[in-house]
C-alpha cells in the first residue's frame, strides 16, 4: 500500500527550524512499503527555515472553509501557503493512489487530532492541521508518528 508521509519523518530537514524529526520505525517501513514524502509547508511555497506558525480562530477544517487563518510568530498571514501546500499534498496522494498518510503530530499542517495553541509550543488543543483536514475530507486515513 502506498502511503503519504511527512518528509521530516523520513529524515528530510524541512521542519520550520531546518531540522528533521526522523522516525526509525518509518525508515524500516520504507523497506517494505512505498512511502511518498511530502512537506506541505514547502509545497505551499514557504522557505526552510521559517518562522513557526499557528492556526488562529479554529483548526485546519476552518482554514479550508475560510473561517480561520494561519499566522506566523511574526504576525505574517501564511494561510494561502498552508492551503496551497495541502492541495499539493492531496494532488500527490491522488497521483500515487495513497489511501493513508502518516504525518507529523501537532503541526499546523500535519497534526491529527491535536494541534498547538496559537503562539505556544507547550499548550495543545483538539483539532487537525490544514493538510490533515483536507486529506480526511477526501477519504484519506491520517495517522501521526505518535500512532506508530
N, C-alpha and C. Protein backbone atom coordinates (compact mmCIF):
# COMPACT_ATOMS: atom_id res chain seq x y z
N UNK A 1 0.83 -1.18 0.00
CA UNK A 1 0.00 0.00 0.00
C UNK A 1 0.88 1.25 0.00
N UNK A 2 0.54 2.20 -0.84
CA UNK A 2 1.25 3.47 -0.92
C UNK A 2 0.76 4.39 0.20
N UNK A 3 1.70 5.03 0.89
CA UNK A 3 1.35 5.96 1.96
C UNK A 3 2.07 7.28 1.76
N UNK A 4 1.35 8.35 2.00
CA UNK A 4 1.95 9.68 2.05
C UNK A 4 2.58 9.83 3.42
N UNK A 5 3.77 10.43 3.51
CA UNK A 5 4.46 10.57 4.79
C UNK A 5 5.09 11.97 4.87
N UNK A 6 4.99 12.58 6.04
CA UNK A 6 5.68 13.85 6.25
C UNK A 6 7.17 13.62 5.99
N UNK A 7 7.73 14.42 5.10
CA UNK A 7 9.13 14.26 4.71
C UNK A 7 10.07 14.36 5.91
N UNK A 8 9.74 15.20 6.87
CA UNK A 8 10.61 15.35 8.05
C UNK A 8 10.74 14.05 8.83
N UNK A 9 9.70 13.21 8.78
CA UNK A 9 9.74 11.94 9.50
C UNK A 9 10.67 10.93 8.83
N UNK A 10 10.99 11.18 7.56
CA UNK A 10 11.92 10.32 6.82
C UNK A 10 13.33 10.87 6.82
N UNK A 11 13.56 11.93 7.60
CA UNK A 11 14.90 12.47 7.75
C UNK A 11 15.20 13.71 6.92
N UNK A 12 14.23 14.19 6.14
CA UNK A 12 14.43 15.40 5.35
C UNK A 12 14.40 16.60 6.28
N UNK A 13 15.39 17.47 6.17
CA UNK A 13 15.49 18.64 7.05
C UNK A 13 14.60 19.77 6.51
N UNK A 14 13.31 19.62 6.72
CA UNK A 14 12.34 20.57 6.16
C UNK A 14 11.43 21.19 7.22
N UNK A 15 11.63 20.88 8.49
CA UNK A 15 10.81 21.47 9.54
C UNK A 15 11.06 22.97 9.62
N UNK A 16 10.20 23.68 10.31
CA UNK A 16 10.30 25.14 10.40
C UNK A 16 11.69 25.61 10.84
N UNK A 17 12.35 24.82 11.69
CA UNK A 17 13.66 25.22 12.21
C UNK A 17 14.82 24.60 11.42
N UNK A 18 14.52 24.00 10.28
CA UNK A 18 15.56 23.43 9.44
C UNK A 18 16.05 22.06 9.87
N UNK A 19 15.34 21.42 10.79
CA UNK A 19 15.73 20.08 11.25
C UNK A 19 14.76 19.04 10.68
N UNK A 20 15.04 17.79 10.99
CA UNK A 20 14.11 16.70 10.67
C UNK A 20 13.55 16.16 11.98
N UNK A 21 12.63 15.26 11.86
CA UNK A 21 12.08 14.55 13.02
C UNK A 21 12.09 13.05 12.68
N UNK A 22 13.24 12.61 12.19
CA UNK A 22 13.38 11.25 11.68
C UNK A 22 12.82 10.21 12.64
N UNK A 23 12.03 9.32 12.08
CA UNK A 23 11.37 8.26 12.86
C UNK A 23 11.88 6.92 12.33
N UNK A 24 12.63 6.20 13.17
CA UNK A 24 13.25 4.95 12.73
C UNK A 24 12.23 3.91 12.29
N UNK A 25 11.06 3.88 12.91
CA UNK A 25 10.03 2.92 12.50
C UNK A 25 9.61 3.16 11.05
N UNK A 26 9.56 4.42 10.65
CA UNK A 26 9.19 4.72 9.26
C UNK A 26 10.30 4.37 8.29
N UNK A 27 11.54 4.51 8.71
CA UNK A 27 12.65 4.11 7.85
C UNK A 27 12.60 2.60 7.60
N UNK A 28 12.23 1.83 8.62
CA UNK A 28 12.07 0.38 8.44
C UNK A 28 10.87 0.08 7.54
N UNK A 29 9.78 0.82 7.74
CA UNK A 29 8.58 0.63 6.93
C UNK A 29 8.86 0.93 5.46
N UNK A 30 9.74 1.89 5.19
CA UNK A 30 10.08 2.27 3.81
C UNK A 30 10.71 1.12 3.04
N UNK A 31 11.25 0.15 3.74
CA UNK A 31 11.84 -1.01 3.07
C UNK A 31 10.78 -2.02 2.65
N UNK A 32 9.56 -1.88 3.21
CA UNK A 32 8.50 -2.84 2.92
C UNK A 32 7.34 -2.25 2.11
N UNK A 33 7.13 -0.94 2.23
CA UNK A 33 6.01 -0.29 1.56
C UNK A 33 6.49 0.94 0.83
N UNK A 34 5.70 1.39 -0.14
CA UNK A 34 6.05 2.60 -0.87
C UNK A 34 5.57 3.81 -0.07
N UNK A 35 6.53 4.62 0.40
CA UNK A 35 6.23 5.83 1.15
C UNK A 35 6.58 7.03 0.28
N UNK A 36 5.65 7.95 0.16
CA UNK A 36 5.84 9.14 -0.67
C UNK A 36 6.01 10.34 0.26
N UNK A 37 7.22 10.92 0.34
CA UNK A 37 7.45 12.05 1.25
C UNK A 37 6.87 13.35 0.71
N UNK A 38 6.25 14.10 1.62
CA UNK A 38 5.75 15.44 1.29
C UNK A 38 6.00 16.38 2.47
N UNK A 39 6.26 17.63 2.17
CA UNK A 39 6.28 18.68 3.18
C UNK A 39 5.30 19.74 2.70
N UNK A 40 4.08 19.74 3.23
CA UNK A 40 3.08 20.69 2.75
C UNK A 40 3.50 22.15 2.85
N UNK A 41 4.26 22.49 3.87
CA UNK A 41 4.66 23.89 4.03
C UNK A 41 5.62 24.30 2.92
N UNK A 42 6.55 23.42 2.56
CA UNK A 42 7.42 23.71 1.43
C UNK A 42 6.64 23.69 0.12
N UNK A 43 5.74 22.72 -0.03
CA UNK A 43 4.92 22.65 -1.25
C UNK A 43 4.06 23.91 -1.42
N UNK A 44 3.74 24.55 -0.31
CA UNK A 44 2.96 25.79 -0.35
C UNK A 44 3.80 27.03 -0.58
N UNK A 45 5.12 26.85 -0.72
CA UNK A 45 5.98 27.96 -1.05
C UNK A 45 6.74 28.60 0.10
N UNK A 46 6.65 28.02 1.31
CA UNK A 46 7.37 28.58 2.44
C UNK A 46 8.82 28.09 2.44
N UNK A 47 9.75 28.93 2.89
CA UNK A 47 11.16 28.54 2.93
C UNK A 47 11.48 27.67 4.15
N UNK A 48 12.65 27.10 4.14
CA UNK A 48 13.19 26.39 5.30
C UNK A 48 14.58 26.95 5.54
N UNK A 49 14.86 27.42 6.75
CA UNK A 49 13.94 27.53 7.89
C UNK A 49 12.91 28.65 7.69
N UNK A 50 11.90 28.65 8.58
CA UNK A 50 10.83 29.64 8.53
C UNK A 50 10.34 29.87 9.95
N UNK A 51 9.62 30.94 10.17
CA UNK A 51 9.05 31.19 11.49
C UNK A 51 7.99 30.14 11.79
N UNK A 52 7.88 29.70 13.04
CA UNK A 52 6.79 28.80 13.38
C UNK A 52 5.45 29.52 13.18
N UNK A 53 4.41 28.75 12.92
CA UNK A 53 3.09 29.31 12.67
C UNK A 53 2.04 28.52 13.44
N UNK A 54 0.90 29.16 13.66
CA UNK A 54 -0.22 28.55 14.38
C UNK A 54 -1.52 28.87 13.68
N UNK A 55 -2.49 28.00 13.88
CA UNK A 55 -3.84 28.24 13.36
C UNK A 55 -4.57 29.10 14.39
N UNK A 56 -5.13 30.20 13.90
CA UNK A 56 -5.85 31.15 14.76
C UNK A 56 -7.31 31.16 14.35
N UNK A 57 -8.19 30.94 15.32
CA UNK A 57 -9.63 31.03 15.05
C UNK A 57 -10.29 29.73 14.67
N UNK A 58 -9.64 28.61 14.93
CA UNK A 58 -10.23 27.31 14.61
C UNK A 58 -9.15 26.27 14.39
N UNK A 59 -9.43 25.34 13.48
CA UNK A 59 -8.45 24.32 13.14
C UNK A 59 -8.33 24.23 11.63
N UNK A 60 -7.69 23.17 11.13
CA UNK A 60 -7.46 23.04 9.70
C UNK A 60 -8.73 23.05 8.87
N UNK A 61 -9.80 22.44 9.36
CA UNK A 61 -11.07 22.45 8.63
C UNK A 61 -11.59 23.88 8.49
N UNK A 62 -11.39 24.68 9.54
CA UNK A 62 -11.82 26.07 9.49
C UNK A 62 -10.97 26.88 8.52
N UNK A 63 -9.69 26.56 8.43
CA UNK A 63 -8.81 27.24 7.46
C UNK A 63 -9.29 26.93 6.05
N UNK A 64 -9.55 25.66 5.77
CA UNK A 64 -10.03 25.25 4.45
C UNK A 64 -11.35 25.94 4.13
N UNK A 65 -12.21 26.08 5.12
CA UNK A 65 -13.51 26.72 4.94
C UNK A 65 -13.48 28.23 4.98
N UNK A 66 -12.30 28.82 5.15
CA UNK A 66 -12.19 30.28 5.17
C UNK A 66 -12.59 30.95 6.47
N UNK A 67 -12.70 30.16 7.54
CA UNK A 67 -13.14 30.71 8.83
C UNK A 67 -12.01 30.93 9.82
N UNK A 68 -10.79 30.52 9.47
CA UNK A 68 -9.63 30.67 10.36
C UNK A 68 -8.41 30.98 9.50
N UNK A 69 -7.34 31.43 10.16
CA UNK A 69 -6.10 31.80 9.47
C UNK A 69 -4.93 31.03 10.07
N UNK A 70 -3.84 31.01 9.32
CA UNK A 70 -2.57 30.52 9.83
C UNK A 70 -1.64 31.74 9.86
N UNK A 71 -1.08 32.00 11.04
CA UNK A 71 -0.27 33.20 11.23
C UNK A 71 1.08 32.80 11.82
N UNK A 72 2.15 33.40 11.28
CA UNK A 72 3.49 33.11 11.79
C UNK A 72 3.73 33.85 13.10
N UNK A 73 4.79 33.45 13.78
CA UNK A 73 5.17 34.08 15.04
C UNK A 73 5.28 35.61 14.88
N UNK A 74 5.76 36.06 13.74
CA UNK A 74 5.93 37.48 13.48
C UNK A 74 4.67 38.19 13.01
N UNK A 75 3.55 37.45 12.96
CA UNK A 75 2.28 38.06 12.58
C UNK A 75 1.96 38.05 11.10
N UNK A 76 2.76 37.34 10.31
CA UNK A 76 2.52 37.26 8.86
C UNK A 76 1.45 36.21 8.59
N UNK A 77 0.45 36.56 7.79
CA UNK A 77 -0.61 35.63 7.41
C UNK A 77 -0.07 34.69 6.33
N UNK A 78 0.07 33.41 6.67
CA UNK A 78 0.59 32.40 5.74
C UNK A 78 -0.50 31.39 5.37
N UNK A 79 -1.75 31.81 5.53
CA UNK A 79 -2.89 30.93 5.26
C UNK A 79 -2.84 30.35 3.85
N UNK A 80 -2.60 31.20 2.86
CA UNK A 80 -2.61 30.72 1.47
C UNK A 80 -1.50 29.71 1.22
N UNK A 81 -0.35 29.90 1.85
CA UNK A 81 0.73 28.92 1.72
C UNK A 81 0.30 27.57 2.27
N UNK A 82 -0.37 27.57 3.41
CA UNK A 82 -0.82 26.32 4.03
C UNK A 82 -1.91 25.66 3.19
N UNK A 83 -2.83 26.45 2.65
CA UNK A 83 -3.87 25.89 1.79
C UNK A 83 -3.27 25.29 0.53
N UNK A 84 -2.38 26.03 -0.11
CA UNK A 84 -1.75 25.56 -1.35
C UNK A 84 -0.95 24.29 -1.08
N UNK A 85 -0.22 24.25 0.03
CA UNK A 85 0.54 23.05 0.37
C UNK A 85 -0.34 21.84 0.61
N UNK A 86 -1.48 22.06 1.27
CA UNK A 86 -2.44 20.97 1.50
C UNK A 86 -3.00 20.46 0.18
N UNK A 87 -3.31 21.37 -0.73
CA UNK A 87 -3.85 20.98 -2.04
C UNK A 87 -2.82 20.19 -2.84
N UNK A 88 -1.55 20.61 -2.76
CA UNK A 88 -0.49 19.89 -3.48
C UNK A 88 -0.27 18.50 -2.87
N UNK A 89 -0.32 18.40 -1.54
CA UNK A 89 -0.18 17.10 -0.88
C UNK A 89 -1.33 16.17 -1.31
N UNK A 90 -2.54 16.70 -1.38
CA UNK A 90 -3.68 15.91 -1.84
C UNK A 90 -3.48 15.48 -3.29
N UNK A 91 -3.00 16.38 -4.12
CA UNK A 91 -2.75 16.04 -5.53
C UNK A 91 -1.74 14.89 -5.63
N UNK A 92 -0.69 14.94 -4.83
CA UNK A 92 0.33 13.88 -4.83
C UNK A 92 -0.28 12.56 -4.33
N UNK A 93 -1.08 12.63 -3.27
CA UNK A 93 -1.74 11.43 -2.76
C UNK A 93 -2.59 10.77 -3.84
N UNK A 94 -3.35 11.57 -4.56
CA UNK A 94 -4.20 11.03 -5.64
C UNK A 94 -3.36 10.47 -6.77
N UNK A 95 -2.28 11.16 -7.11
CA UNK A 95 -1.40 10.70 -8.19
C UNK A 95 -0.83 9.31 -7.91
N UNK A 96 -0.47 9.06 -6.65
CA UNK A 96 0.12 7.77 -6.27
C UNK A 96 -0.90 6.77 -5.74
N UNK A 97 -2.16 7.18 -5.62
CA UNK A 97 -3.19 6.28 -5.12
C UNK A 97 -3.09 6.01 -3.64
N UNK A 98 -2.53 6.95 -2.89
CA UNK A 98 -2.39 6.76 -1.44
C UNK A 98 -3.74 6.87 -0.75
N UNK A 99 -4.03 5.91 0.08
CA UNK A 99 -5.28 5.90 0.86
C UNK A 99 -5.01 6.18 2.33
N UNK A 100 -3.73 6.32 2.67
CA UNK A 100 -3.34 6.55 4.06
C UNK A 100 -2.13 7.49 4.09
N UNK A 101 -2.07 8.28 5.17
CA UNK A 101 -0.94 9.19 5.37
C UNK A 101 -0.46 9.08 6.80
N UNK A 102 0.84 9.21 6.98
CA UNK A 102 1.45 9.27 8.31
C UNK A 102 2.13 10.63 8.39
N UNK A 103 1.59 11.50 9.24
CA UNK A 103 2.04 12.89 9.28
C UNK A 103 2.54 13.28 10.66
N UNK A 104 3.28 14.38 10.73
CA UNK A 104 3.90 14.85 11.97
C UNK A 104 2.86 15.38 12.95
N UNK A 105 2.87 14.82 14.13
CA UNK A 105 1.91 15.20 15.17
C UNK A 105 2.05 16.67 15.56
N UNK A 106 0.94 17.27 15.89
CA UNK A 106 0.80 18.62 16.46
C UNK A 106 1.13 19.77 15.51
N UNK A 107 1.51 19.48 14.31
CA UNK A 107 1.87 20.50 13.32
C UNK A 107 0.62 21.24 12.82
N UNK A 108 0.74 22.54 12.50
CA UNK A 108 -0.40 23.26 11.94
C UNK A 108 -0.76 22.76 10.53
N UNK A 109 0.15 22.06 9.88
CA UNK A 109 -0.15 21.42 8.60
C UNK A 109 -0.60 19.98 8.80
N UNK A 110 0.17 19.24 9.57
CA UNK A 110 0.05 17.78 9.60
C UNK A 110 -0.56 17.20 10.87
N UNK A 111 -0.77 18.00 11.89
CA UNK A 111 -1.32 17.49 13.14
C UNK A 111 -2.65 16.77 12.92
N UNK A 112 -2.88 15.71 13.67
CA UNK A 112 -4.11 14.93 13.55
C UNK A 112 -4.69 14.72 14.94
N UNK A 113 -5.81 15.39 15.20
CA UNK A 113 -6.48 15.25 16.50
C UNK A 113 -6.02 16.25 17.53
N UNK A 114 -4.77 16.69 17.42
CA UNK A 114 -4.21 17.65 18.37
C UNK A 114 -3.27 18.60 17.63
N UNK A 115 -3.43 19.89 17.87
CA UNK A 115 -2.54 20.91 17.32
C UNK A 115 -2.13 21.85 18.45
N UNK A 116 -1.14 22.66 18.19
CA UNK A 116 -0.66 23.60 19.20
C UNK A 116 -1.57 24.82 19.29
N UNK A 117 -1.67 25.35 20.51
CA UNK A 117 -2.39 26.61 20.72
C UNK A 117 -1.63 27.73 20.01
N UNK A 118 -2.34 28.76 19.56
CA UNK A 118 -1.64 29.88 18.92
C UNK A 118 -0.53 30.44 19.83
N UNK A 119 0.61 30.66 19.21
CA UNK A 119 1.79 31.26 19.87
C UNK A 119 2.33 30.45 21.03
N UNK A 120 2.13 29.12 21.03
CA UNK A 120 2.62 28.31 22.13
C UNK A 120 3.10 26.95 21.64
N UNK A 121 4.26 26.54 22.11
CA UNK A 121 4.72 25.19 21.82
C UNK A 121 4.31 24.24 22.94
N UNK A 122 3.91 24.79 24.08
CA UNK A 122 3.62 23.98 25.25
C UNK A 122 2.16 23.59 25.40
N UNK A 123 1.24 24.42 24.93
CA UNK A 123 -0.19 24.15 25.10
C UNK A 123 -0.77 23.53 23.84
N UNK A 124 -1.58 22.50 24.05
CA UNK A 124 -2.21 21.79 22.94
C UNK A 124 -3.71 21.93 23.01
N UNK A 125 -4.36 21.74 21.86
CA UNK A 125 -5.82 21.74 21.80
C UNK A 125 -6.28 20.74 20.75
N UNK A 126 -7.53 20.39 20.80
CA UNK A 126 -8.08 19.45 19.84
C UNK A 126 -8.20 20.11 18.47
N UNK A 127 -7.97 19.33 17.45
CA UNK A 127 -8.11 19.82 16.08
C UNK A 127 -7.11 19.18 15.15
N UNK A 128 -7.32 19.38 13.86
CA UNK A 128 -6.44 18.86 12.83
C UNK A 128 -5.70 20.00 12.15
N UNK A 129 -4.53 19.71 11.61
CA UNK A 129 -3.82 20.67 10.78
C UNK A 129 -4.50 20.80 9.43
N UNK A 130 -4.06 21.75 8.65
CA UNK A 130 -4.70 22.07 7.37
C UNK A 130 -4.62 20.90 6.39
N UNK A 131 -3.45 20.32 6.23
CA UNK A 131 -3.29 19.20 5.29
C UNK A 131 -4.08 17.98 5.76
N UNK A 132 -4.01 17.69 7.05
CA UNK A 132 -4.76 16.56 7.58
C UNK A 132 -6.25 16.73 7.32
N UNK A 133 -6.77 17.93 7.58
CA UNK A 133 -8.20 18.19 7.37
C UNK A 133 -8.59 17.95 5.91
N UNK A 134 -7.76 18.42 4.97
CA UNK A 134 -8.08 18.25 3.56
C UNK A 134 -7.98 16.79 3.14
N UNK A 135 -6.96 16.09 3.61
CA UNK A 135 -6.84 14.67 3.28
C UNK A 135 -8.03 13.87 3.82
N UNK A 136 -8.40 14.13 5.06
CA UNK A 136 -9.55 13.42 5.65
C UNK A 136 -10.83 13.71 4.87
N UNK A 137 -11.00 14.96 4.51
CA UNK A 137 -12.19 15.37 3.74
C UNK A 137 -12.29 14.60 2.43
N UNK A 138 -11.14 14.17 1.93
CA UNK A 138 -11.09 13.44 0.66
C UNK A 138 -10.90 11.94 0.85
N UNK A 139 -11.22 11.44 2.04
CA UNK A 139 -11.25 10.00 2.28
C UNK A 139 -9.93 9.33 2.55
N UNK A 140 -8.89 10.10 2.86
CA UNK A 140 -7.59 9.52 3.15
C UNK A 140 -7.43 9.41 4.67
N UNK A 141 -7.10 8.23 5.12
CA UNK A 141 -6.90 7.98 6.56
C UNK A 141 -5.58 8.61 6.99
N UNK A 142 -5.61 9.34 8.10
CA UNK A 142 -4.41 10.01 8.58
C UNK A 142 -4.04 9.50 9.97
N UNK A 143 -2.76 9.15 10.12
CA UNK A 143 -2.16 8.77 11.39
C UNK A 143 -1.02 9.73 11.66
N UNK A 144 -0.54 9.77 12.90
CA UNK A 144 0.65 10.57 13.18
C UNK A 144 1.80 9.65 13.56
N UNK A 145 2.98 10.25 13.65
CA UNK A 145 4.16 9.49 14.08
C UNK A 145 3.96 8.93 15.48
N UNK A 146 3.12 9.56 16.27
CA UNK A 146 2.87 9.08 17.64
C UNK A 146 1.96 7.86 17.64
N UNK A 147 1.26 7.59 16.53
CA UNK A 147 0.38 6.42 16.42
C UNK A 147 1.16 5.16 16.06
N UNK A 148 2.42 5.31 15.67
CA UNK A 148 3.20 4.14 15.22
C UNK A 148 3.51 3.20 16.37
